[in-house]
Amino acid sequence: MRGNHSALSSIFSLAVVSACLAGCSWRPYVATRAIRQFTGAPTRFHSIAPLHESLKPFRAIEVKPLENLVGNHMPPQMERYLNERVMQELQLLKSSPKVVAYDEWLSSQEPASMAPEESALIFEGYIDDYDPGYVGLRLLEFGFNHVAVTVRFQLRDKRSGEIVGAASITAQDDRATATTRGAIDRIAKRIRKFVNPGYGE
């Protein structure tokens, strides 16, 4: 009888210890996940050439598609989405400059001998990084499987060729809800935030 009592006591003690350990490991997991939900989507901005003058004289922005330096790592549909979102955000700039796709602008122009060239900016740049990560590991809280997209861009005076502004932006997201579209949306909005002061009042 005494042996059975000792065995039951041992089993009970193990159950208590296991429950404590589970509780101890579960609480940090929940806390980490909650913190990551608020801090797990940083946007890193690096100004290469700050805007040093008003952009108001440039009443047109010709937008070139971003050059893809990551090749097949970025699906064509995501590359299209990125270029479309950049265009959409630039069309929301203050004082509403004319924002057009570079190819469309060229095809709509009269020969140079017949019409003066309008003062315009060329928007151009590169896709430097694209990593969709793996959602399964993000769900398990392995943050190293983050989404990451990096775009480097510049604004160039069409007439003189001078660079009037340039920057690099990386949108990273290691939350379980991370998507590449969400990272791209943040990059496009940050590009507009960089250009907007040049067209501000």
Foldseek 3Di string as FASTA:
>chain_A
DVVVVVVVVVVVVVVVVVVVVVVVVVVVVVVVQVVQVVVQKDKDKFWPAAQDAAPVQALEEAEEQEAEPPPPQDPPVVSVLLSVLLQVLLCPAPPRRHYYHNVVVVVPDDPCVVDPDRWHKYKYWHWPDFAFFDLVVLVVVPQVRKTKTKIKIFIAGPPPRDTRTIMMMMIIGSHSPDGNSVSSNVVSNVVSVRNRVSNDD
